[in-house]
Amino acid sequence: MYLVKSPWWLKRLYSKLTWDIPSEEKEIYLTFDDGPHPVATPFVLDTLKAFNAKATFFCIGKNVRLASAIYRRIADEGHAIGNHTNNHLNGWQTRDDIYLKDVMEARKYIDSSLFRPPYGRISRFQIQQLEPTFEIIMWDVLSGDFDIKLTPEKSLSYVIENTKPGSIVVFHDSEKAFERMQYALPRMLEHFAEKGYAFKKIVRSELKKRGPG
């Protein structure tokens, strides 16, 4: 089970984490987890370029090593990059020392002060240890594209129905999610572009300037 829309009480419980970026402008912050992937990530990059959109890619360290050229392309095309651990570890199920070591291992390949915990699962102790180094980015809207039981149409509706100005939206540039993401992403971009929205990457300096959401 997962929550498509992050509830207010969860955001308040973990208020030090970044869940959205409040804005009076029509701005959406697209994010992509689990790449880079040799097929899914180039598709995402091509699609974003078609809509003049920027996004933030939370990459897994071991995947960066396997697809270093695609990783460089993400940066070269002006997108932001974040750390998503080296081996996609679940913070609730991993010893703290192993988890933190894995994050720092990924940092050898991913030069970023942004971090997103896989599955959104991270302990308070892990947060305390990572906060001096990283801005921890969660999300406002989850596309559900990783859910193999979900139809592509439903994934699209999740995003369209729940996204608002300042939302941080999660897709996945992974093999598992590709069928649903491939359908939902271009249609989501078209829908919000027609409504005058801009698609922006997450920049840590702007987060600090705006303050907590």
Protein backbone atom coordinates (compact mmCIF):
# COMPACT_ATOMS: atom_id res chain seq x y z
CA MET A 1 0.00 0.00 0.00
CA TYR A 2 1.19 3.52 -0.75
CA LEU A 3 -0.17 7.04 -0.49
CA VAL A 4 -0.62 8.85 -3.81
CA LYS A 5 -0.91 12.21 -2.05
CA SER A 6 1.34 12.85 0.94
CA PRO A 7 -1.03 13.84 3.79
CA TRP A 8 -0.61 17.02 5.84
CA TRP A 9 -0.01 15.11 9.06
CA LEU A 10 2.93 13.19 7.58
CA LYS A 11 4.47 16.42 6.31
CA ARG A 12 4.05 17.95 9.76
CA LEU A 13 5.47 14.88 11.52
CA TYR A 14 8.60 15.12 9.37
CA SER A 15 8.56 18.87 8.88
CA LYS A 16 12.34 19.14 8.39
CA LEU A 17 12.06 17.21 5.14
CA THR A 18 11.10 18.87 1.86
CA TRP A 19 7.70 17.63 0.64
CA ASP A 20 6.79 20.41 -1.77
CA ILE A 21 8.01 23.87 -2.74
CA PRO A 22 5.16 26.30 -2.07
CA SER A 23 4.71 28.74 -4.92
CA GLU A 24 2.21 31.29 -6.16
CA GLU A 25 3.44 30.59 -9.67
CA LYS A 26 2.38 27.70 -11.88
CA GLU A 27 5.42 25.53 -11.20
CA ILE A 28 5.77 21.75 -10.92
CA TYR A 29 8.87 19.87 -9.77
CA LEU A 30 9.13 16.57 -11.61
CA THR A 31 11.46 13.98 -10.11
CA PHE A 32 12.64 10.61 -11.38
CA ASP A 33 13.94 7.83 -9.12
CA ASP A 34 16.11 4.74 -9.62
CA GLY A 35 18.02 5.56 -12.81
CA PRO A 36 19.93 5.98 -14.88
CA HIS A 37 18.46 3.24 -17.06
CA PRO A 38 19.58 2.59 -20.66
CA VAL A 39 16.05 2.80 -22.10
CA ALA A 40 13.84 4.64 -19.61
CA THR A 41 16.16 7.55 -18.89
CA PRO A 42 16.79 8.55 -22.54
CA PHE A 43 13.02 8.40 -23.09
CA VAL A 44 12.49 10.74 -20.15
CA LEU A 45 15.19 13.14 -21.35
CA ASP A 46 13.79 13.24 -24.88
CA THR A 47 10.28 13.83 -23.55
CA LEU A 48 11.37 16.60 -21.20
CA LYS A 49 13.26 18.31 -24.00
CA ALA A 50 10.14 18.30 -26.20
CA PHE A 51 8.33 20.33 -23.52
CA ASN A 52 11.28 22.53 -22.52
CA ALA A 53 10.98 20.97 -19.07
CA LYS A 54 13.60 20.53 -16.35
CA ALA A 55 13.51 17.86 -13.66
CA THR A 56 15.49 16.27 -10.85
CA PHE A 57 16.89 12.74 -11.16
CA PHE A 58 17.54 10.80 -7.95
CA CYS A 59 20.11 8.29 -9.10
CA ILE A 60 21.33 5.01 -7.65
CA GLY A 61 25.11 4.87 -7.38
CA LYS A 62 25.51 1.40 -8.89
CA ASN A 63 23.37 2.43 -11.86
CA VAL A 64 25.48 5.53 -12.42
CA ARG A 65 28.54 3.30 -12.75
CA LEU A 66 26.75 1.12 -15.30
CA ALA A 67 25.32 4.02 -17.34
CA SER A 68 27.82 6.81 -16.88
CA ALA A 69 27.19 8.35 -20.32
CA ILE A 70 23.47 8.70 -19.60
CA TYR A 71 24.28 10.17 -16.19
CA ARG A 72 26.45 12.80 -17.89
CA ARG A 73 23.65 13.51 -20.35
CA ILE A 74 21.27 14.30 -17.47
CA ALA A 75 23.65 16.96 -16.20
CA ASP A 76 24.61 18.23 -19.65
CA GLU A 77 20.96 18.90 -20.48
CA GLY A 78 20.55 21.09 -17.41
CA HIS A 79 18.67 18.83 -15.02
CA ALA A 80 19.37 18.46 -11.30
CA ILE A 81 20.72 15.24 -9.82
CA GLY A 82 20.22 13.73 -6.38
CA ASN A 83 21.57 10.82 -4.34
CA HIS A 84 19.25 7.78 -3.98
CA THR A 85 21.76 5.53 -2.14
CA ASN A 86 24.19 3.17 -3.82
CA ASN A 87 22.08 0.00 -3.65
CA HIS A 88 18.49 1.24 -3.19
CA LEU A 89 18.37 0.39 0.51
CA ASN A 90 15.29 0.58 2.69
CA GLY A 91 16.22 2.70 5.71
CA TRP A 92 13.69 0.97 7.94
CA GLN A 93 15.16 -2.46 7.23
CA THR A 94 18.86 -1.61 7.17
CA ARG A 95 21.27 -1.11 10.05
CA ASP A 96 22.10 2.57 10.44
CA ASP A 97 25.82 2.19 9.86
CA ILE A 98 25.28 0.17 6.68
CA TYR A 99 22.66 2.59 5.39
CA LEU A 100 24.76 5.68 5.99
CA LYS A 101 27.83 4.04 4.47
CA ASP A 102 25.80 3.17 1.38
CA VAL A 103 24.65 6.79 0.96
CA MET A 104 28.24 7.98 1.19
CA GLU A 105 29.39 5.32 -1.26
CA ALA A 106 26.90 6.69 -3.77
CA ARG A 107 28.30 10.15 -3.15
CA LYS A 108 31.54 9.04 -4.81
CA TYR A 109 29.62 8.90 -8.11
CA ILE A 110 26.83 11.42 -7.52
CA ASP A 111 27.92 14.98 -6.82
CA SER A 112 24.82 16.39 -5.15
CA SER A 113 23.56 17.84 -1.89
CA LEU A 114 20.05 16.47 -2.57
CA PHE A 115 19.02 13.10 -1.17
CA ARG A 116 15.88 11.01 -1.43
CA PRO A 117 15.47 7.82 0.63
CA PRO A 118 14.33 4.80 -1.40
CA TYR A 119 10.68 3.96 -0.70
CA GLY A 120 10.57 7.17 1.35
CA ARG A 121 11.66 5.07 4.32
CA ILE A 122 14.22 6.66 6.59
CA SER A 123 14.61 6.72 10.38
CA ARG A 124 14.89 9.83 12.51
CA PHE A 125 18.45 8.90 13.40
CA GLN A 126 19.36 8.54 9.73
CA ILE A 127 17.78 11.93 9.04
CA GLN A 128 19.82 13.52 11.82
CA GLN A 129 23.03 12.06 10.44
CA LEU A 130 22.36 13.10 6.84
CA GLU A 131 20.90 16.58 7.43
CA PRO A 132 24.26 18.39 7.74
CA THR A 133 25.22 17.15 4.27
CA PHE A 134 21.96 16.81 2.36
CA GLU A 135 18.61 18.43 1.77
CA ILE A 136 16.26 15.45 2.10
CA ILE A 137 13.62 15.57 -0.64
CA MET A 138 10.38 13.65 -0.29
CA TRP A 139 7.30 14.26 -2.47
CA ASP A 140 3.81 15.62 -2.66
CA VAL A 141 2.44 13.33 -5.40
CA LEU A 142 3.33 9.74 -6.24
CA SER A 143 2.50 8.53 -9.75
CA GLY A 144 2.36 4.87 -8.76
CA ASP A 145 4.19 3.98 -11.97
CA PHE A 146 6.18 1.31 -10.08
CA ASP A 147 2.93 -0.59 -9.32
CA ILE A 148 2.65 -3.40 -11.87
CA LYS A 149 -1.04 -3.84 -11.00
CA LEU A 150 -1.81 -0.23 -11.91
CA THR A 151 -2.99 0.72 -15.39
CA PRO A 152 -1.06 3.44 -17.24
CA GLU A 153 -4.27 5.47 -17.38
CA LYS A 154 -4.68 5.33 -13.61
CA SER A 155 -1.09 6.43 -13.07
CA LEU A 156 -1.78 9.47 -15.24
CA SER A 157 -4.96 10.28 -13.33
CA TYR A 158 -3.12 10.08 -10.00
CA VAL A 159 -0.77 12.82 -11.14
CA ILE A 160 -3.29 15.07 -12.88
CA GLU A 161 -5.82 14.93 -10.04
CA ASN A 162 -3.35 15.61 -7.21
CA THR A 163 -0.71 17.97 -8.61
CA LYS A 164 -0.89 21.64 -7.67
CA PRO A 165 1.51 24.62 -7.92
CA GLY A 166 4.71 23.71 -6.09
CA SER A 167 4.10 19.96 -6.08
CA ILE A 168 7.06 17.59 -6.12
CA VAL A 169 5.93 14.68 -8.31
CA VAL A 170 7.60 11.25 -8.45
CA PHE A 171 8.05 9.09 -11.53
CA HIS A 172 10.63 6.31 -11.99
CA ASP A 173 13.08 5.89 -14.86
CA SER A 174 13.29 2.14 -14.34
CA GLU A 175 12.42 -1.01 -16.24
CA LYS A 176 9.66 -1.92 -13.79
CA ALA A 177 7.90 1.45 -14.15
CA PHE A 178 8.54 2.05 -17.83
CA GLU A 179 5.19 0.93 -19.27
CA ARG A 180 3.21 3.26 -17.01
CA MET A 181 5.71 6.12 -17.00
CA GLN A 182 6.02 6.04 -20.80
CA TYR A 183 2.27 6.55 -21.07
CA ALA A 184 1.73 9.01 -18.24
CA LEU A 185 4.69 11.38 -18.51
CA PRO A 186 4.09 12.94 -21.95
CA ARG A 187 0.36 13.24 -21.31
CA MET A 188 0.95 14.82 -17.92
CA LEU A 189 3.40 17.31 -19.46
CA GLU A 190 0.96 18.17 -22.22
CA HIS A 191 -1.92 18.62 -19.78
CA PHE A 192 -0.11 21.04 -17.49
CA ALA A 193 1.77 22.84 -20.26
CA GLU A 194 -1.57 23.73 -21.83
CA LYS A 195 -2.55 25.24 -18.47
CA GLY A 196 0.56 27.43 -18.45
CA TYR A 197 2.71 25.46 -16.00
CA ALA A 198 6.51 25.46 -16.00
CA PHE A 199 8.48 22.37 -15.03
CA LYS A 200 11.49 23.14 -12.85
CA LYS A 201 14.40 21.33 -11.26
CA ILE A 202 15.04 21.43 -7.52
CA VAL A 203 17.85 23.76 -6.48
CA ARG A 204 19.02 23.68 -2.87
CA SER A 205 19.74 27.41 -2.70
CA GLU A 206 16.15 28.15 -3.66
CA LEU A 207 14.86 25.77 -0.99
CA LYS A 208 16.83 27.59 1.68
CA LYS A 209 15.67 30.96 0.40
CA ARG A 210 12.00 29.99 0.52
CA GLY A 211 12.26 28.33 3.90
CA PRO A 212 10.28 25.31 5.15
CA GLY A 213 7.02 24.53 3.43
